[in-house]
N, C-alpha and C. Protein backbone atom coordinates (compact mmCIF):
# COMPACT_ATOMS: atom_id res chain seq x y z
N MET A 1 0.75 -1.03 0.03
CA MET A 1 -0.10 0.36 -0.04
C MET A 1 0.48 1.13 -0.31
N ARG A 2 1.90 1.13 0.69
CA ARG A 2 2.83 2.37 1.10
C ARG A 2 3.53 2.93 -0.08
N ALA A 3 3.58 1.17 -0.80
CA ALA A 3 4.84 1.65 -1.96
C ALA A 3 3.74 1.69 -3.36
N ALA A 4 2.87 1.75 -3.21
CA ALA A 4 1.71 2.38 -4.41
C ALA A 4 1.56 3.76 -4.23
N LEU A 5 1.70 3.83 -2.97
CA LEU A 5 1.10 5.58 -2.77
C LEU A 5 2.42 6.34 -3.13
N ALA A 6 3.64 5.66 -2.50
CA ALA A 6 4.88 6.31 -3.35
C ALA A 6 4.88 6.78 -4.56
N ASP A 7 4.72 5.73 -4.81
CA ASP A 7 4.83 5.15 -7.00
C ASP A 7 3.58 6.46 -7.36
N SER A 8 2.72 6.38 -6.85
CA SER A 8 2.03 7.09 -7.29
C SER A 8 2.19 8.85 -6.84
N VAL A 9 2.59 9.17 -6.30
CA VAL A 9 3.35 10.61 -6.28
C VAL A 9 4.51 10.87 -6.57
N ALA A 10 5.54 9.96 -7.14
CA ALA A 10 6.43 9.67 -7.63
C ALA A 10 6.27 9.82 -9.24
N LEU A 11 5.03 9.30 -10.05
CA LEU A 11 5.16 9.54 -11.42
C LEU A 11 3.88 10.45 -11.22
N GLY A 12 3.37 11.43 -10.18
CA GLY A 12 2.41 12.16 -10.51
C GLY A 12 0.72 12.11 -11.50
N ALA A 13 0.72 10.64 -10.36
CA ALA A 13 -0.57 10.20 -10.71
C ALA A 13 -1.62 10.95 -9.87
N SER A 14 -1.52 11.70 -8.60
CA SER A 14 -2.05 13.07 -8.05
C SER A 14 -2.81 13.48 -8.77
N ASP A 15 -1.70 14.09 -9.74
CA ASP A 15 -2.19 15.51 -10.19
C ASP A 15 -2.80 14.90 -12.01
N GLU A 16 -2.92 14.01 -12.05
CA GLU A 16 -3.82 13.10 -13.33
C GLU A 16 -4.78 13.93 -13.35
N LEU A 17 -5.49 14.69 -15.01
CA LEU A 17 -6.63 15.47 -14.89
C LEU A 17 -7.67 14.38 -15.21
N ILE A 18 -8.88 14.27 -14.62
CA ILE A 18 -10.20 13.69 -15.19
C ILE A 18 -11.51 14.38 -15.75
N THR A 19 -12.17 14.18 -16.18
CA THR A 19 -13.36 14.34 -16.27
C THR A 19 -14.41 14.43 -15.12
N THR A 20 -15.00 15.54 -15.46
CA THR A 20 -16.49 15.71 -14.39
C THR A 20 -17.37 14.28 -14.61
N GLY A 21 -17.67 13.54 -15.42
CA GLY A 21 -18.14 12.15 -15.64
C GLY A 21 -17.07 11.53 -14.69
N GLU A 22 -15.68 10.84 -15.15
CA GLU A 22 -15.07 10.10 -14.29
C GLU A 22 -14.87 10.68 -12.86
N ALA A 23 -14.61 12.14 -12.36
CA ALA A 23 -15.54 12.53 -10.98
C ALA A 23 -16.24 11.82 -10.82
N ALA A 24 -17.36 12.48 -11.07
CA ALA A 24 -18.85 11.46 -10.26
C ALA A 24 -18.97 10.15 -9.76
N ARG A 25 -18.33 9.24 -10.59
CA ARG A 25 -18.16 8.08 -10.83
C ARG A 25 -17.26 7.62 -9.37
N LEU A 26 -15.98 8.16 -9.18
CA LEU A 26 -15.50 8.15 -8.19
C LEU A 26 -16.14 8.43 -7.16
N LEU A 27 -16.61 9.37 -6.89
CA LEU A 27 -17.24 10.14 -5.84
C LEU A 27 -19.10 9.71 -5.33
N GLY A 28 -19.11 8.74 -6.61
CA GLY A 28 -20.54 7.96 -5.88
C GLY A 28 -21.83 9.14 -6.61
N ILE A 29 -21.28 10.24 -7.33
CA ILE A 29 -22.33 11.52 -7.29
C ILE A 29 -23.04 11.80 -8.80
N SER A 30 -23.86 12.50 -8.73
CA SER A 30 -24.35 12.70 -10.34
C SER A 30 -22.92 13.97 -11.21
N ARG A 31 -22.95 13.72 -12.28
CA ARG A 31 -21.87 14.28 -13.00
C ARG A 31 -22.98 15.71 -12.64
N GLN A 32 -23.75 15.98 -12.53
CA GLN A 32 -24.08 17.82 -12.16
C GLN A 32 -23.78 18.63 -11.70
N HIS A 33 -23.74 17.05 -9.93
CA HIS A 33 -23.36 17.72 -8.83
C HIS A 33 -22.21 18.03 -8.66
N VAL A 34 -21.15 17.55 -9.32
CA VAL A 34 -19.72 17.95 -9.70
C VAL A 34 -19.59 18.77 -10.46
N VAL A 35 -19.96 19.13 -11.64
CA VAL A 35 -20.04 20.75 -12.18
C VAL A 35 -20.51 21.71 -11.13
N ASP A 36 -22.18 21.42 -10.29
CA ASP A 36 -22.45 22.47 -9.27
C ASP A 36 -21.12 22.54 -8.41
N LEU A 37 -20.89 21.82 -7.77
CA LEU A 37 -19.43 21.80 -6.72
C LEU A 37 -18.50 22.61 -7.61
N CYS A 38 -18.11 22.59 -8.71
CA CYS A 38 -16.96 23.03 -9.60
C CYS A 38 -17.45 25.07 -9.61
N THR A 39 -18.79 25.38 -9.93
CA THR A 39 -19.29 26.01 -10.48
C THR A 39 -19.74 27.04 -8.94
N ALA A 40 -19.52 26.19 -7.72
CA ALA A 40 -20.00 27.27 -6.35
C ALA A 40 -18.43 27.40 -5.89
N GLY A 41 -17.56 27.17 -7.03
CA GLY A 41 -16.20 27.44 -5.82
C GLY A 41 -15.75 26.28 -5.39
N ASP A 42 -16.47 25.01 -4.70
CA ASP A 42 -15.77 24.04 -3.62
C ASP A 42 -15.36 23.09 -4.60
N LEU A 43 -15.17 23.40 -5.49
CA LEU A 43 -14.21 22.01 -6.42
C LEU A 43 -13.14 22.44 -7.21
N PRO A 44 -11.74 22.50 -7.14
CA PRO A 44 -11.05 23.09 -8.02
C PRO A 44 -11.06 22.89 -9.38
N PHE A 45 -10.81 23.35 -10.40
CA PHE A 45 -10.91 23.05 -12.02
C PHE A 45 -10.14 23.67 -12.25
N THR A 46 -9.82 23.02 -14.10
CA THR A 46 -9.28 23.65 -14.78
C THR A 46 -10.13 22.96 -15.88
N THR A 47 -9.91 24.16 -17.26
CA THR A 47 -10.43 24.10 -18.19
C THR A 47 -9.80 23.43 -20.02
N VAL A 48 -10.08 22.59 -20.59
CA VAL A 48 -9.17 22.44 -21.27
C VAL A 48 -10.60 22.55 -22.24
N GLY A 49 -9.93 23.61 -22.86
CA GLY A 49 -10.78 23.50 -24.39
C GLY A 49 -12.53 24.32 -23.84
N LYS A 50 -12.98 23.20 -23.71
CA LYS A 50 -14.62 24.10 -22.88
C LYS A 50 -15.04 23.06 -22.13
N HIS A 51 -13.92 21.98 -21.66
CA HIS A 51 -14.67 21.11 -21.01
C HIS A 51 -13.47 21.45 -19.64
N ARG A 52 -14.42 21.06 -18.28
CA ARG A 52 -13.64 20.81 -17.41
C ARG A 52 -13.09 19.84 -16.74
N ARG A 53 -12.06 20.14 -16.33
CA ARG A 53 -11.05 18.91 -16.20
C ARG A 53 -10.89 19.13 -14.88
N LEU A 54 -10.37 17.53 -13.53
CA LEU A 54 -9.82 18.19 -12.23
C LEU A 54 -9.03 17.62 -11.85
N ARG A 55 -8.38 17.60 -10.76
CA ARG A 55 -6.86 17.19 -10.37
C ARG A 55 -7.78 15.81 -9.48
N ARG A 56 -7.01 14.81 -9.65
CA ARG A 56 -7.61 13.22 -9.13
C ARG A 56 -7.37 13.60 -7.98
N ARG A 57 -6.47 14.19 -7.47
CA ARG A 57 -5.62 13.97 -5.97
C ARG A 57 -6.89 15.22 -5.50
N ASP A 58 -7.38 15.93 -5.95
CA ASP A 58 -8.57 16.78 -5.22
C ASP A 58 -10.44 15.89 -5.16
N ILE A 59 -10.25 15.19 -6.17
CA ILE A 59 -11.47 14.55 -6.20
C ILE A 59 -10.81 13.17 -4.65
N ASP A 60 -9.68 12.83 -4.95
CA ASP A 60 -9.46 11.88 -3.94
C ASP A 60 -9.64 12.29 -2.13
N LEU A 61 -9.01 13.62 -2.49
CA LEU A 61 -9.69 14.22 -0.98
C LEU A 61 -11.14 14.77 -0.40
N LEU A 62 -11.50 14.37 -1.38
CA LEU A 62 -13.37 15.02 -1.17
C LEU A 62 -13.71 13.52 -0.62
N LYS A 63 -13.17 12.71 -1.44
CA LYS A 63 -14.02 11.28 -1.23
C LYS A 63 -13.79 10.51 -0.04
N ASP A 64 -12.34 10.92 -0.21
CA ASP A 64 -11.56 10.25 1.68
C ASP A 64 -12.12 11.27 3.08
N ALA A 65 -12.79 12.49 2.80
CA ALA A 65 -12.76 13.33 4.19
C ALA A 65 -14.71 14.22 3.17
N ASP A 66 -15.52 13.89 4.07
CA ASP A 66 -16.24 15.92 3.74
C ASP A 66 -15.16 16.55 4.19
N LEU A 67 -14.92 17.89 3.90
CA LEU A 67 -13.97 18.88 3.97
C LEU A 67 -14.94 19.81 4.60
N ARG A 68 -15.86 20.01 4.67
CA ARG A 68 -16.82 21.12 5.22
C ARG A 68 -17.40 20.54 6.47
N LEU A 69 -17.14 21.46 7.72
CA LEU A 69 -17.06 20.89 8.68
C LEU A 69 -18.22 22.64 9.71
N THR A 70 -19.00 21.52 10.60
CA THR A 70 -19.94 22.65 11.25
C THR A 70 -19.10 23.35 11.94
N ARG A 71 -20.14 24.51 12.29
CA ARG A 71 -19.51 25.07 13.30
C ARG A 71 -19.28 24.15 14.46
N ASP A 72 -19.76 23.55 14.76
CA ASP A 72 -20.23 22.71 16.36
C ASP A 72 -18.38 21.67 15.88
N GLN A 73 -18.25 20.88 14.76
CA GLN A 73 -17.36 20.09 14.36
C GLN A 73 -16.27 21.05 14.70
N VAL A 74 -16.00 22.36 13.95
CA VAL A 74 -14.99 22.85 14.33
C VAL A 74 -14.45 23.35 15.81
N ARG A 75 -15.44 23.87 16.40
CA ARG A 75 -15.12 23.91 17.88
C ARG A 75 -14.63 22.63 18.83
N SER A 76 -15.46 21.32 18.07
CA SER A 76 -14.71 19.95 18.81
C SER A 76 -13.52 19.58 18.08
N LEU A 77 -13.30 19.65 16.82
CA LEU A 77 -11.82 19.64 16.46
C LEU A 77 -10.29 20.37 17.19
N LEU A 78 -11.28 22.08 17.33
CA LEU A 78 -9.94 22.77 17.84
C LEU A 78 -10.27 22.55 19.38
N LEU A 79 -10.75 21.73 19.87
CA LEU A 79 -10.56 21.56 21.15
C LEU A 79 -9.91 20.18 21.72
N SER A 80 -9.96 19.37 20.63
CA SER A 80 -9.26 18.00 20.49
C SER A 80 -7.80 18.69 20.29
N HIS A 81 -7.68 19.35 19.31
CA HIS A 81 -6.36 19.72 19.27
C HIS A 81 -5.46 19.91 20.46
N ALA A 82 -6.18 20.84 21.21
CA ALA A 82 -5.62 21.59 22.63
C ALA A 82 -5.62 20.29 23.54
N VAL A 83 -6.43 19.05 23.04
CA VAL A 83 -6.31 18.01 24.36
C VAL A 83 -4.85 17.03 23.18
N ALA A 84 -4.71 16.69 22.98
CA ALA A 84 -3.36 16.24 21.94
C ALA A 84 -2.88 17.43 22.31
N GLY A 85 -2.42 18.14 22.36
CA GLY A 85 -1.15 18.79 22.84
C GLY A 85 -0.83 18.75 23.84
N ARG A 86 -1.73 18.91 24.71
CA ARG A 86 -1.72 18.70 26.59
C ARG A 86 -1.01 17.41 26.79
N LEU A 87 -1.76 16.05 25.65
CA LEU A 87 -1.52 14.54 25.81
C LEU A 87 0.05 14.48 25.33
N ALA A 88 0.54 15.27 24.63
CA ALA A 88 1.67 15.30 23.88
C ALA A 88 2.92 15.76 25.27
N ILE A 89 2.48 16.88 26.27
CA ILE A 89 2.98 16.73 27.18
C ILE A 89 3.30 16.04 28.31
N ASP A 90 1.99 15.61 28.71
CA ASP A 90 1.97 14.97 29.73
C ASP A 90 0.78 13.52 29.50
N PRO A 91 1.47 12.82 28.58
CA PRO A 91 0.26 11.70 27.97
C PRO A 91 -0.73 10.77 29.17
N GLU A 92 0.42 10.48 30.85
CA GLU A 92 0.02 10.06 31.57
C GLU A 92 -1.16 10.37 32.33
N ALA A 93 -1.07 11.73 32.55
CA ALA A 93 -1.80 12.08 33.51
C ALA A 93 -3.44 12.20 32.39
N GLY A 94 -3.14 12.65 31.37
CA GLY A 94 -4.40 12.56 30.23
C GLY A 94 -5.11 11.29 30.44
N LEU A 95 -4.52 10.93 30.23
CA LEU A 95 -4.77 9.07 29.80
C LEU A 95 -5.30 8.56 31.40
N ALA A 96 -4.57 8.60 32.39
CA ALA A 96 -5.17 8.38 33.12
C ALA A 96 -6.95 9.52 33.55
N LEU A 97 -6.83 10.28 33.29
CA LEU A 97 -8.29 11.21 33.72
C LEU A 97 -8.84 10.41 32.50
N ALA A 98 -8.82 10.29 31.45
CA ALA A 98 -9.35 9.80 30.17
C ALA A 98 -10.11 8.34 30.88
N ARG A 99 -9.24 7.63 31.10
CA ARG A 99 -9.82 6.10 31.15
C ARG A 99 -10.50 6.31 32.30
N LEU A 100 -10.68 7.42 33.48
CA LEU A 100 -11.37 7.65 34.70
C LEU A 100 -12.65 8.05 34.14
N ASN A 101 -12.51 9.10 33.22
CA ASN A 101 -14.29 9.21 32.25
C ASN A 101 -14.59 7.70 31.96
N LEU A 102 -13.81 7.65 30.77
CA LEU A 102 -14.53 6.25 30.50
C LEU A 102 -14.97 5.54 30.94
N GLU A 103 -14.17 4.76 32.21
CA GLU A 103 -15.15 4.08 33.07
C GLU A 103 -16.46 4.63 33.49
N LYS A 104 -16.30 6.15 33.92
CA LYS A 104 -17.83 6.49 34.83
C LYS A 104 -19.32 6.98 33.05
N MET A 105 -18.28 6.86 31.49
CA MET A 105 -19.34 7.08 30.75
C MET A 105 -19.85 5.68 30.57
N ARG A 106 -19.33 4.45 30.61
CA ARG A 106 -19.74 3.13 30.71
C ARG A 106 -20.79 2.70 31.65
N GLY A 107 -20.08 2.88 33.01
CA GLY A 107 -20.75 3.06 33.97
C GLY A 107 -22.15 3.89 33.68
N ALA A 108 -22.95 4.19 32.74
CA ALA A 108 -23.78 4.78 32.68
C ALA A 108 -25.26 4.28 31.67
N SER A 109 -24.35 2.55 31.73
CA SER A 109 -25.06 1.91 30.57
C SER A 109 -25.36 2.61 28.81
N PRO A 110 -24.36 2.53 28.60
CA PRO A 110 -24.73 3.48 27.23
C PRO A 110 -25.11 2.54 26.46
N ARG A 111 -26.36 2.57 25.29
CA ARG A 111 -26.03 1.18 24.76
C ARG A 111 -26.47 1.99 22.99
N GLY A 112 -26.45 1.67 21.83
CA GLY A 112 -26.27 2.00 20.79
C GLY A 112 -24.92 2.13 20.30
N ALA A 113 -25.27 3.06 19.45
CA ALA A 113 -24.10 4.13 18.92
C ALA A 113 -22.77 4.65 19.89
N ALA A 114 -23.55 4.82 20.76
CA ALA A 114 -22.70 5.37 22.10
C ALA A 114 -21.88 4.57 22.68
N LYS A 115 -22.47 3.44 22.92
CA LYS A 115 -21.56 2.01 22.92
C LYS A 115 -20.51 1.47 22.34
N VAL A 116 -20.68 1.49 21.11
CA VAL A 116 -19.63 1.71 19.72
C VAL A 116 -17.96 2.74 20.10
N TRP A 117 -18.69 3.39 19.90
CA TRP A 117 -17.88 4.65 20.40
C TRP A 117 -16.88 4.48 21.39
N LEU A 118 -17.42 4.47 22.78
CA LEU A 118 -16.37 4.15 23.95
C LEU A 118 -16.15 3.02 24.12
N ASP A 119 -16.32 2.19 23.23
CA ASP A 119 -15.42 0.42 22.95
C ASP A 119 -14.26 1.63 22.40
N GLU A 120 -14.51 2.23 20.71
CA GLU A 120 -13.43 1.99 20.04
C GLU A 120 -12.67 3.69 21.01
N TRP A 121 -13.09 4.26 22.31
CA TRP A 121 -11.89 5.01 23.00
C TRP A 121 -11.20 3.84 23.81
N ALA A 122 -12.01 3.31 24.17
CA ALA A 122 -10.69 1.36 25.27
C ALA A 122 -9.83 1.55 24.50
N GLN A 123 -10.04 1.08 23.36
CA GLN A 123 -9.12 -0.03 22.37
C GLN A 123 -7.84 1.67 22.37
N LEU A 124 -8.56 2.78 21.98
CA LEU A 124 -7.47 3.96 21.48
C LEU A 124 -6.52 4.11 22.94
N LEU A 125 -7.40 3.99 24.03
CA LEU A 125 -6.81 4.26 25.07
C LEU A 125 -5.58 3.90 25.43
N GLU A 126 -5.30 2.40 25.02
CA GLU A 126 -4.37 1.51 25.16
C GLU A 126 -3.87 1.40 24.22
N GLY A 127 -3.79 1.68 23.50
CA GLY A 127 -2.80 1.79 21.86
C GLY A 127 -1.58 2.57 22.14
N PRO A 128 -1.07 2.96 21.03
CA PRO A 128 0.22 3.52 21.06
C PRO A 128 -0.19 4.93 20.87
N LEU A 129 0.25 5.86 21.62
CA LEU A 129 -0.15 7.69 21.48
C LEU A 129 -0.29 8.49 20.18
N LEU A 130 0.69 8.05 18.84
CA LEU A 130 0.55 8.51 17.87
C LEU A 130 -1.06 8.26 17.15
N VAL A 131 -1.49 6.99 17.56
CA VAL A 131 -2.91 6.34 16.84
C VAL A 131 -3.50 7.11 17.47
N LEU A 132 -3.60 7.68 18.78
CA LEU A 132 -4.36 8.57 20.00
C LEU A 132 -4.99 9.79 19.01
N LEU A 133 -3.67 10.66 19.06
CA LEU A 133 -3.61 11.59 18.40
C LEU A 133 -4.01 11.83 17.42
N THR A 134 -3.76 10.84 15.99
CA THR A 134 -4.27 11.11 15.23
C THR A 134 -5.85 10.59 15.12
N ALA A 135 -6.57 10.22 15.84
CA ALA A 135 -7.99 9.72 15.91
C ALA A 135 -8.38 10.95 16.66
N LEU A 136 -7.56 12.00 17.38
CA LEU A 136 -8.38 13.15 17.91
C LEU A 136 -8.44 14.09 16.93
N THR A 137 -7.18 14.42 16.49
CA THR A 137 -7.10 15.53 15.93
C THR A 137 -7.49 15.17 13.90
N SER A 138 -8.03 14.00 13.48
CA SER A 138 -8.42 14.19 12.29
C SER A 138 -9.77 14.92 11.75
N ARG A 139 -9.93 14.92 10.73
CA ARG A 139 -10.78 15.29 10.27
C ARG A 139 -11.95 14.12 9.48
N SER A 140 -11.83 13.41 9.76
CA SER A 140 -12.31 12.22 8.98
C SER A 140 -13.60 11.73 10.16
N PRO A 141 -14.93 11.53 9.10
CA PRO A 141 -16.14 11.32 9.71
C PRO A 141 -15.58 10.16 11.23
N ARG A 142 -15.26 9.46 11.24
CA ARG A 142 -14.35 8.61 11.74
C ARG A 142 -14.35 9.02 13.64
N SER A 143 -13.22 10.05 13.14
CA SER A 143 -12.57 11.18 14.34
C SER A 143 -14.00 12.01 14.55
N ARG A 144 -14.71 12.48 13.91
CA ARG A 144 -16.15 13.40 14.12
C ARG A 144 -17.25 12.64 15.47
N GLU A 145 -17.12 11.88 14.60
CA GLU A 145 -17.94 10.69 15.72
C GLU A 145 -17.32 10.43 17.15
N LEU A 146 -15.85 9.92 16.98
CA LEU A 146 -15.27 9.76 18.34
C LEU A 146 -15.24 10.72 19.38
N ARG A 147 -15.06 12.16 18.55
CA ARG A 147 -15.38 13.53 19.84
C ARG A 147 -16.34 13.68 20.23
N GLN A 148 -17.75 12.85 19.61
CA GLN A 148 -18.77 13.06 20.26
C GLN A 148 -18.75 12.78 21.74
N ASN A 149 -17.82 11.71 21.57
CA ASN A 149 -18.43 10.59 22.66
C ASN A 149 -16.43 10.71 23.42
N SER A 150 -15.94 12.00 23.69
CA SER A 150 -15.00 12.04 24.35
C SER A 150 -14.30 12.03 25.60
N PRO A 151 -14.03 10.92 26.15
CA PRO A 151 -13.45 10.95 27.37
C PRO A 151 -12.58 12.30 28.16
N PHE A 152 -11.91 12.93 27.00
CA PHE A 152 -11.08 13.88 27.66
C PHE A 152 -11.80 15.28 28.64
N ALA A 153 -12.52 15.22 29.00
CA ALA A 153 -13.20 16.01 30.03
C ALA A 153 -12.29 15.97 31.08
N GLY A 154 -11.82 17.35 31.09
CA GLY A 154 -11.02 18.27 32.36
C GLY A 154 -9.40 17.87 31.95
N VAL A 155 -9.25 17.61 30.60
CA VAL A 155 -7.52 17.26 30.75
C VAL A 155 -7.06 18.91 30.39
N LEU A 156 -8.02 19.66 29.98
CA LEU A 156 -7.76 20.93 29.41
C LEU A 156 -8.14 22.10 30.96
N SER A 157 -7.70 23.19 31.04
CA SER A 157 -8.26 23.83 32.47
C SER A 157 -9.51 24.71 31.90
N ASP A 158 -9.88 25.26 33.09
CA ASP A 158 -11.08 25.69 32.23
C ASP A 158 -10.47 27.40 31.39
N GLU A 159 -9.50 27.71 31.85
CA GLU A 159 -8.91 28.80 31.06
C GLU A 159 -8.25 28.42 29.61
N GLU A 160 -7.87 27.28 29.36
CA GLU A 160 -7.40 26.89 28.28
C GLU A 160 -8.53 26.43 27.40
N ARG A 161 -9.95 25.91 27.75
CA ARG A 161 -10.96 25.94 27.18
C ARG A 161 -11.27 26.94 26.62
N LEU A 162 -11.07 27.96 27.58
CA LEU A 162 -12.21 29.14 26.86
C LEU A 162 -11.28 29.96 25.64
N SER A 163 -9.90 29.82 26.02
CA SER A 163 -8.98 30.33 24.95
C SER A 163 -9.20 29.70 23.78
N VAL A 164 -9.29 28.60 23.80
CA VAL A 164 -9.64 27.91 22.49
C VAL A 164 -11.15 28.47 21.83
N LEU A 165 -11.93 27.75 22.80
CA LEU A 165 -13.03 28.76 22.26
C LEU A 165 -13.42 30.25 21.56
N ALA A 166 -12.59 31.06 22.22
CA ALA A 166 -11.84 32.52 22.17
C ALA A 166 -11.62 32.97 20.82
N ASN A 167 -10.79 31.57 20.36
CA ASN A 167 -10.20 31.45 18.91
C ASN A 167 -10.86 31.28 18.14
N LEU A 168 -12.44 30.80 18.37
CA LEU A 168 -12.81 29.75 17.16
C LEU A 168 -14.07 30.81 15.86
N PRO A 169 -13.03 30.37 14.72
CA PRO A 169 -12.76 30.99 13.66
C PRO A 169 -13.99 31.28 13.24
N SER A 170 -14.60 32.13 12.84
CA SER A 170 -15.81 32.77 11.94
C SER A 170 -16.66 31.55 11.26
N ALA A 171 -17.78 31.72 10.78
CA ALA A 171 -18.53 30.68 10.04
C ALA A 171 -18.06 30.63 8.68
N ARG A 172 -17.52 31.90 8.06
CA ARG A 172 -16.98 31.96 6.60
C ARG A 172 -15.25 31.54 6.92
N GLN A 173 -14.98 31.27 8.05
CA GLN A 173 -13.32 30.68 8.35
C GLN A 173 -13.39 29.10 7.94
N THR A 174 -14.26 28.77 8.28
CA THR A 174 -15.12 27.54 8.71
C THR A 174 -15.39 26.89 7.38
N ASP A 175 -15.86 27.35 6.47
CA ASP A 175 -16.27 27.33 5.30
C ASP A 175 -14.76 26.91 4.06
N ASP A 176 -13.46 27.77 4.74
CA ASP A 176 -12.35 27.58 4.07
C ASP A 176 -11.54 26.65 4.06
N ALA A 177 -11.89 25.97 5.81
CA ALA A 177 -10.67 25.30 5.91
C ALA A 177 -10.88 23.84 5.59
């Protein structure tokens, strides 16, 4: 997998230009929706003659994760970055508190999706620190769901949390993220 990625980068495959129809097939959406995304400025393109061409890399990014975040998701992501910074400085204290919080959360008899995400946190808290930090700071749908059930309450001081919230980007800035 890693070798294939390295080869595609070396060969410039990620800069390959594709048609709107090919992009639509890759994304599982209509060609017209791809055109609408281009027109709205949400998907960069170039023109060849009168036809739009899109970089494969841009389509892969869009396919791998929905890049638009709601204001609440941006808030959650920024707070998680601050938690990740705290964990990088003092992993033992942060992980101990998260384990305690997780135990309390599990004791509240969660069912359904919440239980699934709490089980996922349990595995992450016992795994490598870098995997945990990636889960905390990723923009992926999986990480978004994990952050909704985060056991890291109390890792940041009130002052740190308020500082992050004071620097929350405006709605327009979140669209450009």
